[in-house]
N, C-alpha and C. Protein backbone atom coordinates (compact mmCIF):
# COMPACT_ATOMS: atom_id res chain seq x y z
N UNK A 1 18.65 3.21 1.73
CA UNK A 1 18.38 1.89 1.28
C UNK A 1 18.12 1.55 -0.22
N UNK A 2 19.09 0.94 -0.95
CA UNK A 2 18.75 0.86 -2.63
C UNK A 2 17.22 0.29 -2.99
N UNK A 3 17.18 0.28 -3.87
CA UNK A 3 16.04 -0.20 -4.77
C UNK A 3 16.09 -1.05 -5.95
N UNK A 4 16.41 -2.04 -5.46
CA UNK A 4 17.12 -3.04 -6.41
C UNK A 4 15.94 -4.27 -6.57
N UNK A 5 14.82 -3.84 -7.57
CA UNK A 5 13.62 -4.65 -7.76
C UNK A 5 14.08 -6.01 -8.27
N UNK A 6 15.33 -6.00 -8.78
CA UNK A 6 15.60 -7.44 -9.50
C UNK A 6 16.47 -8.12 -8.69
N UNK A 7 16.67 -7.70 -7.79
CA UNK A 7 17.73 -8.29 -6.60
C UNK A 7 19.04 -7.63 -6.49
N UNK A 8 19.70 -8.10 -5.51
CA UNK A 8 21.12 -8.06 -5.19
C UNK A 8 21.77 -9.07 -4.55
N UNK A 9 23.24 -9.31 -4.93
CA UNK A 9 24.00 -10.26 -4.10
C UNK A 9 23.63 -11.98 -4.56
N UNK A 10 23.91 -11.84 -6.20
CA UNK A 10 23.54 -13.40 -6.41
C UNK A 10 24.66 -14.29 -6.01
N UNK A 11 24.86 -14.70 -4.89
CA UNK A 11 26.11 -15.46 -4.17
C UNK A 11 26.18 -16.95 -4.52
N UNK A 12 24.91 -17.51 -5.18
CA UNK A 12 24.73 -18.72 -5.65
C UNK A 12 25.22 -18.90 -7.13
N UNK A 13 25.67 -20.12 -7.49
CA UNK A 13 25.76 -20.07 -9.29
C UNK A 13 24.78 -20.19 -10.15
N UNK A 14 24.96 -20.42 -11.23
CA UNK A 14 23.56 -20.33 -11.93
C UNK A 14 23.81 -21.64 -12.81
N UNK A 15 22.29 -22.25 -12.96
CA UNK A 15 21.93 -23.76 -13.37
C UNK A 15 21.50 -23.34 -14.99
N UNK A 16 22.02 -23.96 -16.36
CA UNK A 16 21.37 -24.35 -17.51
C UNK A 16 20.35 -25.16 -17.41
N UNK A 17 18.79 -24.73 -17.61
CA UNK A 17 17.88 -25.50 -17.39
C UNK A 17 17.45 -26.19 -18.92
N UNK A 18 16.57 -26.96 -18.98
CA UNK A 18 16.21 -27.62 -20.14
C UNK A 18 15.85 -26.91 -21.47
N UNK A 19 15.67 -25.41 -21.04
CA UNK A 19 14.84 -24.46 -22.18
C UNK A 19 16.18 -23.97 -22.66
N UNK A 20 17.46 -23.98 -22.07
CA UNK A 20 18.68 -23.30 -22.42
C UNK A 20 18.89 -22.06 -21.75
N UNK A 21 17.95 -21.50 -21.02
CA UNK A 21 18.29 -20.62 -20.22
C UNK A 21 18.87 -21.00 -18.66
N UNK A 22 19.47 -19.79 -18.30
CA UNK A 22 19.91 -19.78 -17.03
C UNK A 22 19.16 -19.07 -16.06
N UNK A 23 19.25 -20.01 -14.79
CA UNK A 23 18.25 -19.99 -13.23
C UNK A 23 19.29 -19.41 -12.39
N UNK A 24 19.10 -18.68 -11.36
CA UNK A 24 19.69 -18.41 -10.38
C UNK A 24 18.67 -17.76 -8.99
N UNK A 25 19.50 -17.57 -7.96
CA UNK A 25 18.83 -16.60 -7.02
C UNK A 25 19.71 -15.40 -6.30
N UNK A 26 19.22 -14.53 -6.03
CA UNK A 26 19.78 -13.37 -5.34
C UNK A 26 19.59 -13.70 -3.98
N UNK A 27 20.13 -13.04 -2.89
CA UNK A 27 20.37 -13.31 -1.39
C UNK A 27 19.33 -12.23 -0.83
N UNK A 28 19.44 -11.10 -1.39
CA UNK A 28 18.65 -9.89 -0.96
C UNK A 28 17.93 -8.98 -2.14
N UNK A 29 16.92 -8.30 -1.68
CA UNK A 29 16.18 -7.31 -2.51
C UNK A 29 15.31 -7.87 -3.07
N UNK A 30 14.80 -7.52 -4.62
CA UNK A 30 14.13 -7.79 -5.00
C UNK A 30 12.31 -6.91 -4.79
N UNK A 31 11.51 -7.38 -5.19
CA UNK A 31 10.44 -6.52 -5.08
C UNK A 31 9.75 -6.23 -3.52
N UNK A 32 10.34 -7.44 -2.63
CA UNK A 32 9.96 -7.19 -1.04
C UNK A 32 11.09 -7.45 -0.61
N UNK A 33 12.54 -7.28 -0.82
CA UNK A 33 13.68 -6.85 0.13
C UNK A 33 14.05 -8.25 0.64
N UNK A 34 13.64 -9.63 -0.16
CA UNK A 34 14.15 -10.93 0.88
C UNK A 34 14.71 -11.81 -0.24
N UNK A 35 15.22 -11.33 -1.71
CA UNK A 35 15.74 -11.99 -2.43
C UNK A 35 14.68 -12.34 -3.76
N UNK A 36 15.62 -13.02 -5.01
CA UNK A 36 14.55 -13.47 -5.99
C UNK A 36 15.19 -14.73 -6.36
N UNK A 37 14.15 -15.29 -7.42
CA UNK A 37 14.73 -16.12 -8.31
C UNK A 37 14.85 -15.38 -9.67
N UNK A 38 15.79 -15.46 -10.60
CA UNK A 38 15.42 -15.14 -11.84
C UNK A 38 16.18 -15.92 -13.02
N UNK A 39 15.56 -15.23 -14.26
CA UNK A 39 16.03 -16.34 -15.26
C UNK A 39 16.67 -15.16 -15.97
N UNK A 40 17.87 -15.79 -16.92
CA UNK A 40 18.56 -15.01 -17.90
C UNK A 40 18.87 -15.60 -19.04
N UNK A 41 18.44 -15.15 -20.45
CA UNK A 41 18.45 -15.59 -21.33
C UNK A 41 20.02 -15.84 -21.82
N UNK A 42 20.25 -16.65 -23.14
CA UNK A 42 22.04 -16.48 -23.46
C UNK A 42 22.33 -15.43 -23.82
N UNK A 43 21.23 -14.42 -24.50
CA UNK A 43 21.16 -13.23 -25.02
C UNK A 43 21.07 -12.05 -23.88
N UNK A 44 21.29 -12.23 -22.45
CA UNK A 44 21.28 -11.43 -21.59
C UNK A 44 19.86 -11.16 -21.01
N UNK A 45 18.90 -11.67 -21.41
CA UNK A 45 17.35 -10.70 -21.02
C UNK A 45 17.02 -11.19 -19.70
N UNK A 46 17.40 -10.48 -18.72
CA UNK A 46 16.89 -10.71 -17.40
C UNK A 46 15.29 -10.74 -17.02
N UNK A 47 14.78 -11.65 -16.16
CA UNK A 47 13.48 -11.71 -15.77
C UNK A 47 13.52 -11.98 -14.41
N UNK A 48 12.92 -11.47 -13.58
CA UNK A 48 12.61 -11.87 -11.99
C UNK A 48 11.09 -12.37 -12.23
N UNK A 49 11.43 -13.77 -11.45
CA UNK A 49 10.16 -14.82 -11.73
C UNK A 49 9.86 -14.81 -10.22
N UNK A 50 10.42 -14.37 -9.25
CA UNK A 50 9.58 -14.56 -7.94
C UNK A 50 10.56 -13.84 -7.14
N UNK A 51 9.66 -13.06 -6.20
CA UNK A 51 10.23 -12.29 -5.01
C UNK A 51 9.96 -12.78 -3.69
N UNK A 52 10.69 -13.24 -2.84
CA UNK A 52 10.43 -13.60 -1.63
C UNK A 52 9.87 -12.45 -0.69
N UNK A 53 9.31 -12.90 0.26
CA UNK A 53 8.45 -12.06 1.22
C UNK A 53 9.58 -11.45 2.24
N UNK A 54 9.07 -10.63 2.80
CA UNK A 54 10.11 -9.91 4.01
C UNK A 54 9.60 -9.90 5.19
N UNK A 55 8.35 -10.31 5.48
CA UNK A 55 7.51 -10.14 6.81
C UNK A 55 8.26 -11.54 7.75
N UNK A 56 8.27 -11.33 8.87
CA UNK A 56 8.70 -12.35 9.61
C UNK A 56 8.05 -13.82 9.66
N UNK A 57 6.73 -13.73 9.23
CA UNK A 57 5.80 -15.13 9.31
C UNK A 57 5.62 -15.56 7.93
N UNK A 58 6.88 -15.49 6.80
CA UNK A 58 6.57 -15.72 5.55
C UNK A 58 6.73 -17.27 5.52
N UNK A 59 5.86 -17.91 4.56
CA UNK A 59 6.18 -19.30 4.64
C UNK A 59 7.02 -19.31 3.59
N UNK A 60 7.29 -18.67 2.48
CA UNK A 60 8.02 -18.93 1.23
C UNK A 60 9.35 -18.66 1.74
N UNK A 61 9.98 -18.40 2.88
CA UNK A 61 11.22 -17.94 3.33
C UNK A 61 11.54 -16.92 2.59
N UNK A 62 12.87 -16.46 3.20
CA UNK A 62 13.82 -15.40 2.78
C UNK A 62 14.99 -15.60 2.62
N UNK A 63 16.02 -14.84 1.50
CA UNK A 63 16.96 -14.99 1.35
C UNK A 63 17.67 -16.24 1.23
N UNK A 64 17.25 -16.48 -0.36
CA UNK A 64 17.82 -17.65 -0.95
C UNK A 64 19.46 -17.73 -1.15
N UNK A 65 20.26 -18.57 -0.35
CA UNK A 65 21.43 -17.99 -0.42
C UNK A 65 21.85 -19.33 -1.17
N UNK A 66 21.72 -20.37 -1.65
CA UNK A 66 21.69 -21.34 -2.53
C UNK A 66 21.49 -21.39 -3.81
N UNK A 67 22.12 -22.14 -4.45
CA UNK A 67 21.75 -22.20 -6.23
C UNK A 67 20.44 -23.03 -6.12
N UNK A 68 20.15 -23.36 -7.20
CA UNK A 68 18.57 -23.89 -7.83
C UNK A 68 19.05 -25.44 -8.33
N UNK A 69 18.02 -26.30 -7.82
CA UNK A 69 18.41 -27.66 -8.75
C UNK A 69 16.95 -27.59 -9.63
N UNK A 70 17.07 -28.57 -11.13
CA UNK A 70 15.94 -29.01 -11.80
C UNK A 70 15.87 -29.97 -11.55
N UNK A 71 14.54 -30.30 -11.05
CA UNK A 71 14.03 -31.74 -11.34
C UNK A 71 13.73 -32.68 -12.41
N UNK A 72 13.74 -33.70 -12.50
CA UNK A 72 13.23 -34.10 -13.94
C UNK A 72 11.74 -33.98 -14.30
N UNK A 73 10.87 -33.81 -13.26
CA UNK A 73 9.57 -33.21 -13.77
C UNK A 73 9.73 -31.76 -14.18
N UNK A 74 10.62 -31.18 -14.16
CA UNK A 74 10.68 -29.82 -14.74
C UNK A 74 10.65 -28.63 -13.55
N UNK A 75 10.42 -29.09 -12.60
CA UNK A 75 10.27 -28.10 -11.40
C UNK A 75 11.56 -27.66 -10.78
N UNK A 76 11.77 -26.21 -10.54
CA UNK A 76 12.86 -25.78 -9.47
C UNK A 76 12.77 -26.15 -8.09
N UNK A 77 13.86 -26.39 -7.46
CA UNK A 77 13.99 -26.25 -5.84
C UNK A 77 15.24 -25.69 -5.66
N UNK A 78 15.04 -25.04 -4.07
CA UNK A 78 15.90 -24.45 -3.50
C UNK A 78 15.55 -24.26 -2.12
N UNK A 79 16.64 -23.73 -1.50
CA UNK A 79 16.38 -23.50 0.00
C UNK A 79 17.14 -21.74 0.43
N UNK A 80 15.99 -21.59 1.52
CA UNK A 80 16.33 -20.04 2.00
C UNK A 80 16.90 -20.27 3.44
N UNK A 81 17.77 -19.32 3.82
CA UNK A 81 18.29 -19.26 5.07
C UNK A 81 17.85 -18.80 6.12
N UNK A 82 16.62 -18.13 6.02
CA UNK A 82 15.97 -17.79 7.05
C UNK A 82 14.40 -17.85 6.89
N UNK A 83 13.48 -17.23 7.47
CA UNK A 83 11.89 -17.07 7.06
C UNK A 83 11.48 -18.60 7.38
N UNK A 84 10.35 -18.94 6.86
CA UNK A 84 9.49 -19.86 6.92
C UNK A 84 8.25 -19.84 7.97
N UNK A 85 7.87 -21.17 8.03
CA UNK A 85 6.47 -20.80 9.03
C UNK A 85 6.96 -21.41 10.38
N UNK A 86 8.30 -21.96 10.73
CA UNK A 86 8.48 -22.22 11.81
C UNK A 86 8.99 -20.95 12.69
N UNK A 87 8.55 -20.96 14.02
CA UNK A 87 8.63 -19.66 14.72
C UNK A 87 10.18 -19.03 14.86
N UNK A 88 11.33 -20.16 14.58
CA UNK A 88 12.92 -19.85 14.61
C UNK A 88 13.20 -19.10 13.41
N UNK A 89 12.11 -19.00 12.11
CA UNK A 89 12.76 -18.42 11.07
C UNK A 89 14.03 -18.64 10.62
N UNK A 90 14.14 -20.04 10.52
CA UNK A 90 15.23 -20.81 10.18
C UNK A 90 15.61 -21.15 8.71
N UNK A 91 14.73 -20.74 8.02
CA UNK A 91 14.65 -21.13 6.33
C UNK A 91 13.53 -21.98 5.77
N UNK A 92 13.34 -22.19 4.94
CA UNK A 92 12.64 -23.19 4.10
C UNK A 92 13.01 -23.81 2.62
N UNK A 93 12.52 -24.94 2.63
CA UNK A 93 12.98 -25.47 0.85
C UNK A 93 11.66 -25.03 0.20
N UNK A 94 11.87 -24.50 -0.75
CA UNK A 94 10.80 -24.21 -1.60
C UNK A 94 10.80 -24.85 -3.00
N UNK A 95 9.94 -24.56 -4.03
CA UNK A 95 9.58 -25.08 -5.54
C UNK A 95 9.04 -23.95 -6.03
N UNK A 96 9.37 -23.86 -7.30
CA UNK A 96 9.15 -23.17 -8.25
C UNK A 96 9.00 -23.55 -9.39
N UNK A 97 7.63 -23.54 -10.35
CA UNK A 97 7.57 -24.11 -11.79
C UNK A 97 7.20 -22.96 -12.43
N UNK A 98 7.90 -23.36 -13.43
CA UNK A 98 7.71 -22.09 -14.58
C UNK A 98 7.50 -22.59 -15.69
N UNK A 99 7.11 -23.82 -15.76
CA UNK A 99 6.30 -24.29 -17.02
C UNK A 99 7.17 -25.25 -18.04
N UNK A 100 8.13 -25.54 -17.38
CA UNK A 100 9.43 -26.55 -18.17
C UNK A 100 8.92 -27.95 -17.97
N UNK A 101 8.62 -28.74 -19.00
CA UNK A 101 8.41 -29.97 -18.97
C UNK A 101 9.02 -30.94 -18.48
N UNK A 102 9.16 -32.39 -18.29
CA UNK A 102 9.52 -33.17 -17.74
C UNK A 102 10.90 -33.64 -18.74
N UNK A 103 11.60 -34.52 -18.16
CA UNK A 103 12.93 -34.73 -18.98
C UNK A 103 13.61 -35.95 -18.31
N UNK A 104 14.26 -36.82 -18.85
CA UNK A 104 15.40 -37.66 -18.26
C UNK A 104 16.78 -37.31 -18.34
N UNK A 105 17.61 -37.74 -17.32
CA UNK A 105 19.19 -37.49 -17.35
C UNK A 105 19.70 -39.05 -17.03
N UNK A 106 20.57 -38.98 -18.01
CA UNK A 106 21.76 -40.10 -17.91
C UNK A 106 22.75 -40.06 -16.86
N UNK A 107 22.81 -41.00 -16.01
CA UNK A 107 23.95 -41.27 -15.02
C UNK A 107 24.92 -41.75 -15.93
N UNK A 108 25.82 -40.76 -16.14
CA UNK A 108 26.93 -40.84 -17.43
C UNK A 108 26.35 -40.02 -18.49
N UNK A 109 27.36 -39.48 -18.74
CA UNK A 109 26.94 -38.39 -19.99
C UNK A 109 27.47 -38.86 -21.45
N UNK A 110 28.89 -40.01 -21.46
CA UNK A 110 29.23 -40.63 -22.32
C UNK A 110 29.72 -42.28 -22.07
N UNK A 111 29.81 -42.82 -23.23
CA UNK A 111 30.32 -44.42 -22.80
C UNK A 111 30.38 -45.08 -24.23
N UNK A 112 31.15 -46.11 -24.42
CA UNK A 112 31.39 -46.68 -25.73
C UNK A 112 29.93 -47.52 -25.57
N UNK A 113 29.88 -48.20 -26.72
CA UNK A 113 28.75 -49.20 -27.13
C UNK A 113 29.21 -50.29 -26.11
N UNK A 114 27.73 -51.07 -25.51
CA UNK A 114 27.99 -51.70 -24.59
C UNK A 114 28.18 -51.24 -23.13
N UNK A 115 28.27 -50.04 -22.99
CA UNK A 115 28.52 -49.48 -21.52
C UNK A 115 27.28 -49.29 -20.89
N UNK A 116 27.18 -49.87 -19.60
CA UNK A 116 25.76 -49.42 -18.86
C UNK A 116 25.33 -48.10 -18.35
N UNK A 117 24.18 -47.89 -18.81
CA UNK A 117 23.91 -46.49 -18.54
C UNK A 117 22.53 -46.47 -17.52
N UNK A 118 22.39 -45.56 -16.70
CA UNK A 118 21.25 -44.88 -15.70
C UNK A 118 20.31 -44.31 -16.11
N UNK A 119 19.14 -44.19 -16.59
CA UNK A 119 18.23 -43.28 -17.13
C UNK A 119 17.40 -43.01 -15.84
N UNK A 120 17.49 -41.80 -15.29
CA UNK A 120 16.66 -40.80 -14.06
C UNK A 120 15.71 -40.37 -15.17
N UNK A 121 14.06 -40.17 -14.06
CA UNK A 121 12.83 -39.36 -14.74
C UNK A 121 12.23 -39.60 -13.96
N UNK A 122 10.86 -38.96 -14.22
CA UNK A 122 9.57 -39.13 -13.51
C UNK A 122 8.42 -39.87 -14.37
N UNK A 123 8.02 -40.73 -13.60
CA UNK A 123 6.93 -41.53 -14.21
C UNK A 123 7.58 -42.47 -15.54
N UNK A 124 8.44 -43.25 -15.00
CA UNK A 124 9.23 -44.13 -16.14
C UNK A 124 8.49 -45.75 -16.17
N UNK A 125 7.68 -45.42 -15.41
CA UNK A 125 6.84 -47.12 -15.30
C UNK A 125 6.11 -47.17 -16.78
N UNK A 126 6.19 -48.42 -17.10
CA UNK A 126 5.41 -48.59 -18.19
C UNK A 126 6.06 -48.25 -19.67
N UNK A 127 7.41 -47.70 -19.32
CA UNK A 127 8.08 -47.25 -20.87
C UNK A 127 8.24 -48.32 -21.60
N UNK A 128 8.03 -47.60 -23.04
CA UNK A 128 7.90 -48.77 -24.10
C UNK A 128 9.13 -48.54 -25.10
N UNK A 129 10.00 -47.55 -24.90
CA UNK A 129 11.10 -47.72 -25.80
C UNK A 129 11.91 -46.73 -25.22
N UNK A 130 13.50 -47.10 -25.89
CA UNK A 130 14.64 -46.14 -25.13
C UNK A 130 15.71 -46.24 -26.28
N UNK A 131 16.16 -44.88 -26.70
CA UNK A 131 16.57 -44.85 -28.07
C UNK A 131 17.90 -43.85 -27.44
N UNK A 132 18.86 -44.35 -28.27
CA UNK A 132 20.29 -43.11 -28.25
C UNK A 132 20.38 -42.76 -29.26
N UNK A 133 19.95 -41.34 -29.69
CA UNK A 133 19.85 -40.57 -31.11
C UNK A 133 19.26 -41.68 -32.23
N UNK A 134 18.06 -42.05 -31.81
CA UNK A 134 17.19 -43.02 -32.59
C UNK A 134 17.50 -44.51 -32.85
N UNK A 135 18.38 -44.70 -32.35
CA UNK A 135 18.95 -46.50 -32.33
C UNK A 135 18.27 -46.98 -30.93
N UNK A 136 17.74 -47.85 -31.34
CA UNK A 136 16.74 -48.75 -30.06
C UNK A 136 17.84 -49.32 -29.25
N UNK A 137 17.60 -49.46 -27.83
CA UNK A 137 18.05 -50.10 -26.90
C UNK A 137 17.02 -51.03 -26.24
N UNK A 138 17.73 -52.18 -25.78
CA UNK A 138 16.93 -52.86 -24.55
C UNK A 138 17.02 -52.20 -23.57
N UNK A 139 15.92 -52.43 -22.28
CA UNK A 139 16.35 -51.60 -21.00
C UNK A 139 15.30 -52.46 -19.94
N UNK A 140 15.70 -52.01 -18.88
CA UNK A 140 14.93 -52.77 -17.63
C UNK A 140 14.26 -51.54 -16.82
N UNK A 141 13.21 -51.51 -16.72
CA UNK A 141 12.55 -50.08 -15.87
C UNK A 141 12.78 -50.89 -14.51
N UNK A 142 13.39 -50.23 -13.60
CA UNK A 142 13.82 -50.78 -12.22
C UNK A 142 12.85 -49.84 -11.50
N UNK A 143 12.25 -48.94 -11.51
CA UNK A 143 11.44 -48.27 -10.61
C UNK A 143 10.37 -46.96 -11.17
N UNK A 144 9.75 -46.47 -10.80
CA UNK A 144 9.28 -45.59 -11.44
C UNK A 144 10.02 -44.13 -11.99
N UNK A 145 11.37 -44.47 -11.29
CA UNK A 145 12.41 -43.32 -11.47
C UNK A 145 13.65 -43.45 -12.23
N UNK A 146 13.76 -44.58 -12.50
CA UNK A 146 14.93 -45.66 -12.87
C UNK A 146 14.35 -46.64 -14.18
N UNK A 147 15.71 -46.41 -15.12
CA UNK A 147 16.04 -47.13 -15.89
C UNK A 147 17.22 -47.78 -16.34
N UNK A 148 17.37 -48.99 -16.42
CA UNK A 148 19.06 -49.26 -16.65
C UNK A 148 18.86 -50.10 -18.09
N UNK A 149 20.04 -49.74 -18.82
CA UNK A 149 20.41 -49.95 -20.16
C UNK A 149 21.65 -50.15 -20.54
N UNK A 150 22.19 -50.41 -21.68
CA UNK A 150 23.34 -50.26 -22.17
C UNK A 150 23.31 -49.61 -23.44
N UNK A 151 24.60 -49.14 -24.05
CA UNK A 151 24.75 -48.13 -25.16
C UNK A 151 24.58 -49.30 -26.41
N UNK A 152 23.60 -49.17 -27.34
CA UNK A 152 23.20 -50.18 -28.41
C UNK A 152 24.34 -50.06 -29.18
N UNK A 153 24.49 -51.21 -30.07
CA UNK A 153 25.29 -51.22 -31.28
C UNK A 153 24.66 -50.13 -32.31
N UNK A 154 25.38 -49.42 -32.89
CA UNK A 154 24.99 -48.72 -33.95
C UNK A 154 24.57 -47.26 -33.37
N UNK A 155 24.63 -46.78 -31.90
CA UNK A 155 24.70 -45.72 -31.35
C UNK A 155 25.42 -44.91 -32.01
N UNK A 156 24.77 -43.48 -32.22
CA UNK A 156 25.74 -42.34 -31.99
C UNK A 156 25.36 -41.17 -31.19
N UNK A 157 26.40 -40.04 -31.00
CA UNK A 157 26.26 -39.20 -30.23
C UNK A 157 24.87 -38.42 -30.45
N UNK A 158 23.97 -38.26 -29.30
CA UNK A 158 22.56 -37.61 -29.89
C UNK A 158 22.16 -37.52 -28.44
N UNK A 159 20.68 -37.20 -28.28
CA UNK A 159 19.66 -37.38 -27.44
C UNK A 159 19.36 -38.66 -26.89
N UNK A 160 19.20 -39.05 -25.53
CA UNK A 160 18.60 -40.16 -25.08
C UNK A 160 16.91 -39.67 -24.88
N UNK A 161 16.36 -40.79 -25.68
CA UNK A 161 14.70 -40.50 -25.98
C UNK A 161 13.92 -41.83 -25.12
N UNK A 162 13.10 -41.47 -24.10
CA UNK A 162 12.22 -42.26 -23.42
C UNK A 162 10.86 -42.08 -23.60
N UNK A 163 10.32 -43.31 -24.15
CA UNK A 163 8.82 -43.19 -24.55
C UNK A 163 7.66 -43.73 -23.46
N UNK A 164 7.09 -43.18 -22.85
CA UNK A 164 6.32 -43.52 -21.79
C UNK A 164 5.02 -43.32 -21.92
N UNK A 165 4.11 -44.06 -21.26
CA UNK A 165 2.54 -43.70 -21.40
C UNK A 165 1.95 -42.28 -21.31
N UNK A 166 3.11 -41.63 -20.71
CA UNK A 166 2.76 -40.28 -20.48
C UNK A 166 3.04 -39.28 -21.25
N UNK A 167 4.09 -39.85 -22.27
CA UNK A 167 4.65 -38.98 -23.17
C UNK A 167 6.05 -39.47 -23.62
N UNK A 168 6.56 -38.63 -24.22
CA UNK A 168 8.39 -38.65 -24.70
C UNK A 168 9.01 -37.86 -23.88
N UNK A 169 10.35 -38.28 -23.25
CA UNK A 169 11.19 -37.54 -22.67
C UNK A 169 12.36 -37.79 -23.22
N UNK A 170 13.04 -36.66 -23.32
CA UNK A 170 14.43 -36.42 -24.04
C UNK A 170 15.12 -36.05 -23.01
N UNK A 171 16.34 -36.51 -23.11
CA UNK A 171 17.79 -36.27 -22.18
C UNK A 171 18.05 -34.76 -21.80
N UNK A 172 18.32 -34.21 -20.89
CA UNK A 172 18.43 -32.73 -20.67
C UNK A 172 20.17 -32.60 -21.38
N UNK A 173 20.68 -33.27 -21.37
CA UNK A 173 22.16 -33.36 -22.12
C UNK A 173 22.42 -34.03 -23.32
N UNK A 174 23.20 -34.09 -24.41
CA UNK A 174 23.67 -34.84 -25.32
C UNK A 174 24.21 -36.13 -24.83
N UNK A 175 23.86 -37.43 -25.08
CA UNK A 175 24.95 -38.50 -24.47
C UNK A 175 25.92 -38.51 -25.74
N UNK A 176 27.32 -38.67 -25.66
CA UNK A 176 28.23 -38.85 -26.55
C UNK A 176 28.85 -40.47 -26.39
N UNK A 177 28.79 -40.83 -27.58
CA UNK A 177 29.02 -42.22 -27.61
C UNK A 177 30.55 -42.19 -28.05
N UNK A 178 31.37 -42.87 -27.25
CA UNK A 178 32.81 -42.84 -27.56
C UNK A 178 33.55 -43.60 -28.24
């Protein structure tokens, strides 16, 4: 049996998180033999963040065969193909926080001046400002997780920033004004 403490069989793709690092999963091995969640920097430094349990009654699951997603609250979510608390061992959904902060995501990453843009995030209720690379935009808070706006006159390519009572949230990708 191999001893692959950092995991084996990374069958799912990587995601690049808001900190610029890449995150992924391995299907097998790690410290407990049932897969891992890992981080790799653009310079190639690998860190195992979590090793799944290999016992049949592990509530965290085993063998994460799919990739991760990052929620706008900064937390990663994923699924396992086996393990979990149900006696069938049919897998589970898991979350992993590594200390990344919340952000906003624009639903369309580019547009012309006047184009409609949806902004998704966490705790957006009470937002007081939306800017496109520093240019203020009129906006409507639709819900705690959605704002609608339009690309303002004078906007240039850059981050979208939303100011809320809880803090300032920056977009996870640069918005391109075309």
